[in-house]
Amino acid sequence: RKLNREGLEQLAEGLWALDLQWIPSIGNFLTVDVGREAAPVYEALLRLGVIVRPLANYGLPNHLRVTVGTKAQNARFLESMALVLGQ
């Protein structure tokens, strides 16, 4: 639980720094609004080796599901998001 909480905090801080919104969670994932159609963001992340889940099939075309990982995995995701979003 502690590692999950710390991971959620790390992701939340990083997403805030990228000016992205997310749905708060107590689980092991976040639902992130990427502010645009998520499919191209998903595909770009996948090409970088970062696996997330697009949520268009659930009525959320601008959202990705991001699983909380290790500190290093979370950092890689955040760095990749910044690259993909041009920040």
C-alpha atoms as a PDB file:
ATOM      1  CA  ARG A   1       0.000   0.000   0.000  1.00  0.00           C
ATOM      2  CA  LYS A   2       2.794   2.401   0.859  1.00  0.00           C
ATOM      3  CA  LEU A   3       4.556   1.865  -2.483  1.00  0.00           C
ATOM      4  CA  ASN A   4       1.278   2.319  -4.361  1.00  0.00           C
ATOM      5  CA  ARG A   5       0.516   5.537  -2.476  1.00  0.00           C
ATOM      6  CA  GLU A   6       4.017   6.862  -3.162  1.00  0.00           C
ATOM      7  CA  GLY A   7       3.661   5.920  -6.830  1.00  0.00           C
ATOM      8  CA  LEU A   8       0.312   7.687  -7.078  1.00  0.00           C
ATOM      9  CA  GLU A   9       1.855  10.789  -5.510  1.00  0.00           C
ATOM     10  CA  GLN A  10       4.809  10.678  -7.930  1.00  0.00           C
ATOM     11  CA  LEU A  11       2.493  10.378 -10.924  1.00  0.00           C
ATOM     12  CA  ALA A  12       0.167  13.108  -9.655  1.00  0.00           C
ATOM     13  CA  GLU A  13       3.060  15.525  -9.154  1.00  0.00           C
ATOM     14  CA  GLY A  14       4.451  14.749 -12.600  1.00  0.00           C
ATOM     15  CA  LEU A  15       1.082  15.081 -14.312  1.00  0.00           C
ATOM     16  CA  TRP A  16       0.460  18.364 -12.511  1.00  0.00           C
ATOM     17  CA  ALA A  17       3.832  19.614 -13.805  1.00  0.00           C
ATOM     18  CA  LEU A  18       2.708  18.657 -17.334  1.00  0.00           C
ATOM     19  CA  ASP A  19      -0.566  20.561 -16.755  1.00  0.00           C
ATOM     20  CA  LEU A  20      -2.618  17.396 -17.210  1.00  0.00           C
ATOM     21  CA  GLN A  21      -5.785  16.439 -15.359  1.00  0.00           C
ATOM     22  CA  TRP A  22      -6.521  12.998 -13.927  1.00  0.00           C
ATOM     23  CA  ILE A  23      -9.227  11.239 -11.992  1.00  0.00           C
ATOM     24  CA  PRO A  24      -8.077  10.686  -8.389  1.00  0.00           C
ATOM     25  CA  SER A  25      -7.633   7.045  -7.469  1.00  0.00           C
ATOM     26  CA  ILE A  26      -6.883   4.830  -4.512  1.00  0.00           C
ATOM     27  CA  GLY A  27      -6.248   1.858  -6.806  1.00  0.00           C
ATOM     28  CA  ASN A  28      -3.119   0.978  -8.723  1.00  0.00           C
ATOM     29  CA  PHE A  29      -3.856   3.157 -11.754  1.00  0.00           C
ATOM     30  CA  LEU A  30      -4.804   6.680 -12.785  1.00  0.00           C
ATOM     31  CA  THR A  31      -7.142   7.798 -15.539  1.00  0.00           C
ATOM     32  CA  VAL A  32      -5.367  10.686 -17.270  1.00  0.00           C
ATOM     33  CA  ASP A  33      -6.991  13.285 -19.541  1.00  0.00           C
ATOM     34  CA  VAL A  34      -4.345  14.068 -22.168  1.00  0.00           C
ATOM     35  CA  GLY A  35      -6.284  17.081 -23.455  1.00  0.00           C
ATOM     36  CA  ARG A  36      -6.601  15.707 -26.983  1.00  0.00           C
ATOM     37  CA  GLU A  37      -7.481  12.478 -28.713  1.00  0.00           C
ATOM     38  CA  ALA A  38      -5.587   9.863 -26.734  1.00  0.00           C
ATOM     39  CA  ALA A  39      -5.042   7.286 -29.512  1.00  0.00           C
ATOM     40  CA  PRO A  40      -2.050   9.084 -31.104  1.00  0.00           C
ATOM     41  CA  VAL A  41      -0.552   9.674 -27.648  1.00  0.00           C
ATOM     42  CA  TYR A  42      -1.013   5.989 -26.830  1.00  0.00           C
ATOM     43  CA  GLU A  43       0.660   4.971 -30.104  1.00  0.00           C
ATOM     44  CA  ALA A  44       3.602   7.340 -29.565  1.00  0.00           C
ATOM     45  CA  LEU A  45       4.106   6.055 -26.016  1.00  0.00           C
ATOM     46  CA  LEU A  46       3.973   2.479 -27.283  1.00  0.00           C
ATOM     47  CA  ARG A  47       6.718   3.251 -29.822  1.00  0.00           C
ATOM     48  CA  LEU A  48       8.799   4.489 -26.879  1.00  0.00           C
ATOM     49  CA  GLY A  49       8.173   1.216 -25.041  1.00  0.00           C
ATOM     50  CA  VAL A  50       5.694   2.693 -22.567  1.00  0.00           C
ATOM     51  CA  ILE A  51       2.503   0.676 -22.266  1.00  0.00           C
ATOM     52  CA  VAL A  52      -0.717   2.407 -21.215  1.00  0.00           C
ATOM     53  CA  ARG A  53      -4.338   1.713 -22.114  1.00  0.00           C
ATOM     54  CA  PRO A  54      -6.511   3.998 -24.254  1.00  0.00           C
ATOM     55  CA  LEU A  55     -10.049   4.391 -22.928  1.00  0.00           C
ATOM     56  CA  ALA A  56     -12.001   5.450 -26.035  1.00  0.00           C
ATOM     57  CA  ASN A  57     -13.939   2.168 -25.920  1.00  0.00           C
ATOM     58  CA  TYR A  58     -15.205   3.244 -22.497  1.00  0.00           C
ATOM     59  CA  GLY A  59     -16.462   6.626 -23.702  1.00  0.00           C
ATOM     60  CA  LEU A  60     -13.289   8.508 -22.728  1.00  0.00           C
ATOM     61  CA  PRO A  61     -11.559   9.307 -26.055  1.00  0.00           C
ATOM     62  CA  ASN A  62      -9.115  11.784 -24.460  1.00  0.00           C
ATOM     63  CA  HIS A  63      -8.061   9.526 -21.591  1.00  0.00           C
ATOM     64  CA  LEU A  64      -5.401   6.925 -20.877  1.00  0.00           C
ATOM     65  CA  ARG A  65      -5.248   4.412 -18.053  1.00  0.00           C
ATOM     66  CA  VAL A  66      -1.814   4.491 -16.442  1.00  0.00           C
ATOM     67  CA  THR A  67      -0.784   1.756 -14.028  1.00  0.00           C
ATOM     68  CA  VAL A  68       1.295   2.781 -11.032  1.00  0.00           C
ATOM     69  CA  GLY A  69       4.754   1.290 -11.445  1.00  0.00           C
ATOM     70  CA  THR A  70       8.066   1.489  -9.687  1.00  0.00           C
ATOM     71  CA  LYS A  71       9.658   4.871  -9.132  1.00  0.00           C
ATOM     72  CA  ALA A  72      11.819   4.339 -12.235  1.00  0.00           C
ATOM     73  CA  GLN A  73       8.870   3.183 -14.357  1.00  0.00           C
ATOM     74  CA  ASN A  74       6.771   6.161 -13.292  1.00  0.00           C
ATOM     75  CA  ALA A  75       9.644   8.527 -14.109  1.00  0.00           C
ATOM     76  CA  ARG A  76      10.042   6.937 -17.548  1.00  0.00           C
ATOM     77  CA  PHE A  77       6.321   7.329 -18.220  1.00  0.00           C
ATOM     78  CA  LEU A  78       6.380  10.999 -17.197  1.00  0.00           C
ATOM     79  CA  GLU A  79       9.482  11.729 -19.286  1.00  0.00           C
ATOM     80  CA  SER A  80       7.903   9.983 -22.267  1.00  0.00           C
ATOM     81  CA  MET A  81       4.649  11.913 -21.831  1.00  0.00           C
ATOM     82  CA  ALA A  82       6.571  15.185 -21.808  1.00  0.00           C
ATOM     83  CA  LEU A  83       8.339  14.151 -25.010  1.00  0.00           C
ATOM     84  CA  VAL A  84       5.151  13.013 -26.761  1.00  0.00           C
ATOM     85  CA  LEU A  85       3.234  16.135 -25.733  1.00  0.00           C
ATOM     86  CA  GLY A  86       6.097  18.384 -26.784  1.00  0.00           C
ATOM     87  CA  GLN A  87       6.818  19.767 -23.333  1.00  0.00           C
END
